Amino acid sequence: MANRVLPLRDLTAPLEKDAPWPGTAVSGDPHTKTWNLHTSDDGKILAGIWESTPGVWKIDYDAWEYCHLLAGRCTIALEGKPPVELKAGDVFIVETGAKGTWTVHENLRKYYVFALGH
């Protein structure tokens, strides 16, 4: 296991357009930009920056995600649960198995950390 500290602000990565959810928009014409700044040695932890234009995404999480919203506003509505309103500055977790919709109301930018297999 590596012994290091990696400030995301100091890392660079190629831009991926319309990833990680291509083809799952259910309303509007949302587009995304992803910069996956770090992948752990075992490939199970991913960290980076994600942006989206307004629209509604269908979500079905097969991983655990930590998010820190840097800009924008969104609503996450999980099946059988009340919707959660989130805005710039909010920090939250989406647990593995979460299903529902993610509505981006205004351009969104977030730091993310995915833990695959959790």
N, C-alpha and C. Protein backbone atom coordinates (compact mmCIF):
# COMPACT_ATOMS: atom_id res chain seq x y z
N MET A 1 0.84 -1.18 0.00
CA MET A 1 0.00 0.00 0.00
C MET A 1 0.89 1.24 0.00
N ALA A 2 0.50 2.22 -0.78
CA ALA A 2 1.26 3.46 -0.90
C ALA A 2 1.14 4.28 0.38
N ASN A 3 2.18 5.03 0.67
CA ASN A 3 2.21 5.90 1.84
C ASN A 3 2.38 7.32 1.32
N ARG A 4 1.24 8.02 1.10
CA ARG A 4 1.32 9.34 0.48
C ARG A 4 0.08 10.17 0.78
N VAL A 5 0.19 11.45 0.55
CA VAL A 5 -0.92 12.40 0.62
C VAL A 5 -1.03 13.01 -0.77
N LEU A 6 -2.25 13.01 -1.34
CA LEU A 6 -2.44 13.48 -2.71
C LEU A 6 -3.50 14.59 -2.75
N PRO A 7 -3.11 15.86 -2.63
CA PRO A 7 -4.09 16.94 -2.78
C PRO A 7 -4.67 16.92 -4.20
N LEU A 8 -5.98 16.78 -4.32
CA LEU A 8 -6.59 16.70 -5.65
C LEU A 8 -6.31 17.96 -6.46
N ARG A 9 -6.17 19.10 -5.79
CA ARG A 9 -5.92 20.36 -6.52
C ARG A 9 -4.61 20.31 -7.30
N ASP A 10 -3.70 19.44 -6.91
CA ASP A 10 -2.38 19.36 -7.55
C ASP A 10 -2.30 18.30 -8.65
N LEU A 11 -3.38 17.55 -8.85
CA LEU A 11 -3.36 16.45 -9.82
C LEU A 11 -4.01 16.87 -11.13
N THR A 12 -3.66 16.20 -12.20
CA THR A 12 -4.28 16.45 -13.50
C THR A 12 -4.73 15.12 -14.09
N ALA A 13 -5.70 15.22 -14.98
CA ALA A 13 -6.22 14.01 -15.64
C ALA A 13 -6.86 14.44 -16.95
N PRO A 14 -6.95 13.51 -17.90
CA PRO A 14 -7.64 13.85 -19.15
C PRO A 14 -9.14 14.03 -18.89
N LEU A 15 -9.74 14.91 -19.65
CA LEU A 15 -11.17 15.17 -19.58
C LEU A 15 -11.94 14.03 -20.24
N GLU A 16 -12.94 13.51 -19.55
CA GLU A 16 -13.87 12.53 -20.12
C GLU A 16 -15.22 13.21 -20.25
N LYS A 17 -15.76 13.28 -21.46
CA LYS A 17 -17.06 13.91 -21.66
C LYS A 17 -18.16 12.85 -21.61
N ASP A 18 -19.30 13.25 -21.00
CA ASP A 18 -20.49 12.41 -20.89
C ASP A 18 -20.21 11.05 -20.29
N ALA A 19 -19.43 11.06 -19.21
CA ALA A 19 -19.18 9.86 -18.42
C ALA A 19 -19.40 10.26 -16.97
N PRO A 20 -19.82 9.44 -16.07
CA PRO A 20 -19.87 7.99 -16.16
C PRO A 20 -21.22 7.43 -16.53
N TRP A 21 -22.24 8.28 -16.80
CA TRP A 21 -23.59 7.77 -17.01
C TRP A 21 -24.13 8.03 -18.41
N PRO A 22 -23.45 7.66 -19.46
CA PRO A 22 -23.99 7.94 -20.79
C PRO A 22 -25.29 7.18 -21.02
N GLY A 23 -26.26 7.87 -21.59
CA GLY A 23 -27.50 7.20 -21.97
C GLY A 23 -28.51 7.03 -20.86
N THR A 24 -28.29 7.61 -19.66
CA THR A 24 -29.26 7.44 -18.58
C THR A 24 -30.02 8.72 -18.25
N ALA A 25 -29.88 9.74 -19.07
CA ALA A 25 -30.66 10.97 -18.85
C ALA A 25 -32.13 10.64 -19.07
N VAL A 26 -32.98 11.13 -18.17
CA VAL A 26 -34.42 10.89 -18.31
C VAL A 26 -35.19 12.17 -18.60
N SER A 27 -34.52 13.33 -18.48
CA SER A 27 -35.17 14.61 -18.77
C SER A 27 -34.10 15.65 -19.07
N GLY A 28 -34.40 16.54 -20.00
CA GLY A 28 -33.44 17.55 -20.37
C GLY A 28 -32.36 16.96 -21.26
N ASP A 29 -31.28 17.71 -21.40
CA ASP A 29 -30.15 17.28 -22.23
C ASP A 29 -28.86 17.49 -21.45
N PRO A 30 -28.72 16.80 -20.30
CA PRO A 30 -27.53 17.03 -19.48
C PRO A 30 -26.27 16.44 -20.10
N HIS A 31 -25.17 17.16 -19.88
CA HIS A 31 -23.87 16.69 -20.33
C HIS A 31 -22.90 16.78 -19.16
N THR A 32 -21.96 15.86 -19.12
CA THR A 32 -21.02 15.82 -18.01
C THR A 32 -19.58 15.94 -18.47
N LYS A 33 -18.75 16.35 -17.51
CA LYS A 33 -17.30 16.34 -17.68
C LYS A 33 -16.74 15.67 -16.44
N THR A 34 -15.81 14.74 -16.62
CA THR A 34 -15.20 14.03 -15.51
C THR A 34 -13.68 14.09 -15.65
N TRP A 35 -13.03 14.40 -14.52
CA TRP A 35 -11.58 14.32 -14.43
C TRP A 35 -11.29 13.34 -13.31
N ASN A 36 -10.97 12.09 -13.65
CA ASN A 36 -10.64 11.10 -12.63
C ASN A 36 -9.17 11.31 -12.25
N LEU A 37 -8.96 11.99 -11.14
CA LEU A 37 -7.63 12.44 -10.75
C LEU A 37 -6.79 11.37 -10.06
N HIS A 38 -7.46 10.36 -9.50
CA HIS A 38 -6.70 9.32 -8.79
C HIS A 38 -7.46 8.00 -8.81
N THR A 39 -6.74 6.95 -9.07
CA THR A 39 -7.24 5.58 -8.93
C THR A 39 -6.26 4.85 -8.03
N SER A 40 -6.77 4.21 -6.97
CA SER A 40 -5.90 3.49 -6.04
C SER A 40 -5.18 2.36 -6.76
N ASP A 41 -4.10 1.88 -6.16
CA ASP A 41 -3.31 0.81 -6.76
C ASP A 41 -4.14 -0.43 -7.07
N ASP A 42 -5.15 -0.71 -6.23
CA ASP A 42 -6.00 -1.89 -6.46
C ASP A 42 -7.21 -1.59 -7.34
N GLY A 43 -7.36 -0.32 -7.77
CA GLY A 43 -8.47 0.06 -8.66
C GLY A 43 -9.81 0.20 -7.98
N LYS A 44 -9.87 0.13 -6.66
CA LYS A 44 -11.15 0.15 -5.95
C LYS A 44 -11.57 1.52 -5.43
N ILE A 45 -10.65 2.49 -5.44
CA ILE A 45 -10.96 3.84 -4.99
C ILE A 45 -10.66 4.80 -6.15
N LEU A 46 -11.65 5.62 -6.49
CA LEU A 46 -11.51 6.62 -7.54
C LEU A 46 -11.82 7.98 -6.95
N ALA A 47 -11.07 9.00 -7.32
CA ALA A 47 -11.32 10.35 -6.83
C ALA A 47 -11.10 11.35 -7.95
N GLY A 48 -11.94 12.38 -7.96
CA GLY A 48 -11.78 13.38 -9.00
C GLY A 48 -12.81 14.47 -8.93
N ILE A 49 -13.02 15.10 -10.08
CA ILE A 49 -13.99 16.20 -10.22
C ILE A 49 -15.00 15.81 -11.29
N TRP A 50 -16.26 16.11 -11.02
CA TRP A 50 -17.35 15.81 -11.96
C TRP A 50 -18.19 17.06 -12.11
N GLU A 51 -18.58 17.37 -13.34
CA GLU A 51 -19.46 18.49 -13.64
C GLU A 51 -20.63 18.01 -14.47
N SER A 52 -21.79 18.68 -14.30
CA SER A 52 -22.95 18.36 -15.11
C SER A 52 -23.75 19.62 -15.40
N THR A 53 -24.31 19.69 -16.60
CA THR A 53 -25.27 20.73 -16.94
C THR A 53 -26.65 20.27 -16.45
N PRO A 54 -27.65 21.15 -16.41
CA PRO A 54 -28.97 20.78 -15.88
C PRO A 54 -29.62 19.63 -16.64
N GLY A 55 -30.37 18.84 -15.88
CA GLY A 55 -31.12 17.71 -16.42
C GLY A 55 -31.38 16.71 -15.31
N VAL A 56 -32.02 15.61 -15.67
CA VAL A 56 -32.36 14.57 -14.70
C VAL A 56 -31.69 13.27 -15.14
N TRP A 57 -30.97 12.65 -14.18
CA TRP A 57 -30.28 11.39 -14.40
C TRP A 57 -30.97 10.28 -13.62
N LYS A 58 -31.08 9.12 -14.22
CA LYS A 58 -31.48 7.92 -13.49
C LYS A 58 -30.22 7.40 -12.80
N ILE A 59 -30.32 7.04 -11.50
CA ILE A 59 -29.15 6.51 -10.80
C ILE A 59 -29.44 5.13 -10.23
N ASP A 60 -28.44 4.28 -10.23
CA ASP A 60 -28.49 2.93 -9.67
C ASP A 60 -27.06 2.62 -9.25
N TYR A 61 -26.74 2.95 -7.99
CA TYR A 61 -25.37 2.89 -7.51
C TYR A 61 -24.91 1.47 -7.21
N ASP A 62 -23.78 1.08 -7.79
CA ASP A 62 -23.14 -0.20 -7.46
C ASP A 62 -21.85 0.04 -6.69
N ALA A 63 -21.69 1.28 -6.19
CA ALA A 63 -20.51 1.67 -5.40
C ALA A 63 -20.95 2.72 -4.38
N TRP A 64 -20.10 2.95 -3.41
CA TRP A 64 -20.30 3.97 -2.38
C TRP A 64 -19.63 5.24 -2.88
N GLU A 65 -20.28 6.42 -2.68
CA GLU A 65 -19.69 7.67 -3.15
C GLU A 65 -19.77 8.75 -2.09
N TYR A 66 -18.65 9.44 -1.89
CA TYR A 66 -18.55 10.65 -1.07
C TYR A 66 -18.52 11.82 -2.04
N CYS A 67 -19.29 12.87 -1.76
CA CYS A 67 -19.34 14.03 -2.64
C CYS A 67 -19.19 15.32 -1.84
N HIS A 68 -18.50 16.28 -2.41
CA HIS A 68 -18.42 17.64 -1.88
C HIS A 68 -18.81 18.56 -3.03
N LEU A 69 -20.00 19.19 -2.93
CA LEU A 69 -20.45 20.07 -4.00
C LEU A 69 -19.69 21.39 -3.95
N LEU A 70 -19.06 21.72 -5.06
CA LEU A 70 -18.28 22.95 -5.17
C LEU A 70 -19.10 24.09 -5.77
N ALA A 71 -20.06 23.76 -6.62
CA ALA A 71 -20.91 24.76 -7.27
C ALA A 71 -22.21 24.09 -7.68
N GLY A 72 -23.27 24.89 -7.75
CA GLY A 72 -24.54 24.41 -8.27
C GLY A 72 -25.51 23.94 -7.20
N ARG A 73 -26.59 23.35 -7.72
CA ARG A 73 -27.68 22.87 -6.86
C ARG A 73 -28.31 21.65 -7.51
N CYS A 74 -28.69 20.67 -6.68
CA CYS A 74 -29.29 19.44 -7.20
C CYS A 74 -30.26 18.85 -6.18
N THR A 75 -31.04 17.87 -6.65
CA THR A 75 -31.94 17.10 -5.80
C THR A 75 -31.70 15.63 -6.10
N ILE A 76 -31.53 14.84 -5.05
CA ILE A 76 -31.43 13.39 -5.20
C ILE A 76 -32.69 12.80 -4.59
N ALA A 77 -33.42 12.04 -5.40
CA ALA A 77 -34.67 11.41 -4.94
C ALA A 77 -34.50 9.89 -5.06
N LEU A 78 -34.34 9.23 -3.92
CA LEU A 78 -34.21 7.77 -3.93
C LEU A 78 -35.58 7.13 -3.82
N GLU A 79 -35.72 5.96 -4.43
CA GLU A 79 -36.99 5.24 -4.40
C GLU A 79 -37.45 5.04 -2.96
N GLY A 80 -38.70 5.46 -2.67
CA GLY A 80 -39.28 5.25 -1.35
C GLY A 80 -38.79 6.21 -0.27
N LYS A 81 -38.01 7.22 -0.64
CA LYS A 81 -37.46 8.17 0.33
C LYS A 81 -37.83 9.59 -0.09
N PRO A 82 -37.89 10.53 0.88
CA PRO A 82 -38.12 11.92 0.48
C PRO A 82 -36.90 12.48 -0.25
N PRO A 83 -37.11 13.40 -1.20
CA PRO A 83 -35.99 13.98 -1.94
C PRO A 83 -35.06 14.76 -1.01
N VAL A 84 -33.78 14.80 -1.37
CA VAL A 84 -32.77 15.53 -0.61
C VAL A 84 -32.26 16.67 -1.50
N GLU A 85 -32.43 17.90 -1.03
CA GLU A 85 -31.95 19.09 -1.74
C GLU A 85 -30.51 19.36 -1.32
N LEU A 86 -29.62 19.60 -2.28
CA LEU A 86 -28.21 19.84 -2.00
C LEU A 86 -27.72 21.05 -2.77
N LYS A 87 -26.77 21.78 -2.19
CA LYS A 87 -26.25 23.00 -2.82
C LYS A 87 -24.74 23.10 -2.59
N ALA A 88 -24.12 24.04 -3.28
CA ALA A 88 -22.68 24.26 -3.14
C ALA A 88 -22.30 24.35 -1.67
N GLY A 89 -21.23 23.65 -1.30
CA GLY A 89 -20.76 23.61 0.08
C GLY A 89 -21.21 22.35 0.82
N ASP A 90 -22.27 21.69 0.34
CA ASP A 90 -22.74 20.47 1.00
C ASP A 90 -21.79 19.31 0.75
N VAL A 91 -21.67 18.47 1.76
CA VAL A 91 -20.88 17.24 1.69
C VAL A 91 -21.84 16.11 2.03
N PHE A 92 -21.83 15.03 1.23
CA PHE A 92 -22.78 13.94 1.46
C PHE A 92 -22.24 12.62 0.93
N ILE A 93 -22.92 11.56 1.31
CA ILE A 93 -22.57 10.20 0.89
C ILE A 93 -23.78 9.59 0.20
N VAL A 94 -23.54 8.88 -0.90
CA VAL A 94 -24.56 8.06 -1.56
C VAL A 94 -24.11 6.62 -1.36
N GLU A 95 -24.96 5.84 -0.72
CA GLU A 95 -24.59 4.46 -0.39
C GLU A 95 -24.83 3.50 -1.55
N THR A 96 -24.06 2.43 -1.56
CA THR A 96 -24.23 1.37 -2.55
C THR A 96 -25.68 0.90 -2.53
N GLY A 97 -26.25 0.70 -3.71
CA GLY A 97 -27.62 0.23 -3.82
C GLY A 97 -28.65 1.34 -3.97
N ALA A 98 -28.22 2.61 -3.85
CA ALA A 98 -29.15 3.74 -4.01
C ALA A 98 -29.69 3.76 -5.44
N LYS A 99 -31.04 3.87 -5.54
CA LYS A 99 -31.70 3.93 -6.84
C LYS A 99 -32.69 5.07 -6.84
N GLY A 100 -32.80 5.77 -7.96
CA GLY A 100 -33.75 6.87 -8.06
C GLY A 100 -33.32 7.82 -9.15
N THR A 101 -33.42 9.14 -8.85
CA THR A 101 -33.04 10.16 -9.81
C THR A 101 -32.16 11.21 -9.16
N TRP A 102 -31.32 11.80 -9.98
CA TRP A 102 -30.44 12.89 -9.57
C TRP A 102 -30.78 14.04 -10.52
N THR A 103 -31.38 15.12 -9.99
CA THR A 103 -31.77 16.27 -10.78
C THR A 103 -30.77 17.39 -10.58
N VAL A 104 -30.15 17.83 -11.65
CA VAL A 104 -29.23 18.96 -11.62
C VAL A 104 -30.04 20.19 -12.04
N HIS A 105 -30.21 21.13 -11.09
CA HIS A 105 -31.01 22.33 -11.34
C HIS A 105 -30.18 23.44 -11.98
N GLU A 106 -28.93 23.52 -11.62
CA GLU A 106 -28.01 24.50 -12.20
C GLU A 106 -26.64 23.86 -12.29
N ASN A 107 -25.82 24.33 -13.21
CA ASN A 107 -24.52 23.68 -13.45
C ASN A 107 -23.88 23.25 -12.14
N LEU A 108 -23.48 22.00 -12.09
CA LEU A 108 -22.97 21.37 -10.87
C LEU A 108 -21.51 21.01 -11.04
N ARG A 109 -20.74 21.19 -9.97
CA ARG A 109 -19.33 20.78 -9.93
C ARG A 109 -19.10 20.17 -8.56
N LYS A 110 -18.47 18.99 -8.54
CA LYS A 110 -18.24 18.32 -7.25
C LYS A 110 -16.91 17.57 -7.27
N TYR A 111 -16.34 17.45 -6.06
CA TYR A 111 -15.30 16.45 -5.82
C TYR A 111 -16.02 15.15 -5.51
N TYR A 112 -15.49 14.04 -5.96
CA TYR A 112 -16.07 12.74 -5.64
C TYR A 112 -14.98 11.76 -5.22
N VAL A 113 -15.39 10.80 -4.40
CA VAL A 113 -14.57 9.65 -4.08
C VAL A 113 -15.51 8.44 -4.17
N PHE A 114 -15.20 7.51 -5.06
CA PHE A 114 -15.95 6.26 -5.18
C PHE A 114 -15.16 5.13 -4.51
N ALA A 115 -15.86 4.32 -3.77
CA ALA A 115 -15.28 3.09 -3.21
C ALA A 115 -16.02 1.93 -3.88
N LEU A 116 -15.36 1.26 -4.80
CA LEU A 116 -15.96 0.16 -5.54
C LEU A 116 -15.94 -1.10 -4.69
N GLY A 117 -17.02 -1.85 -4.77
CA GLY A 117 -17.09 -3.10 -4.02
C GLY A 117 -17.52 -2.93 -2.58
N HIS A 118 -18.09 -1.77 -2.25
CA HIS A 118 -18.57 -1.53 -0.88
C HIS A 118 -20.07 -1.46 -0.86
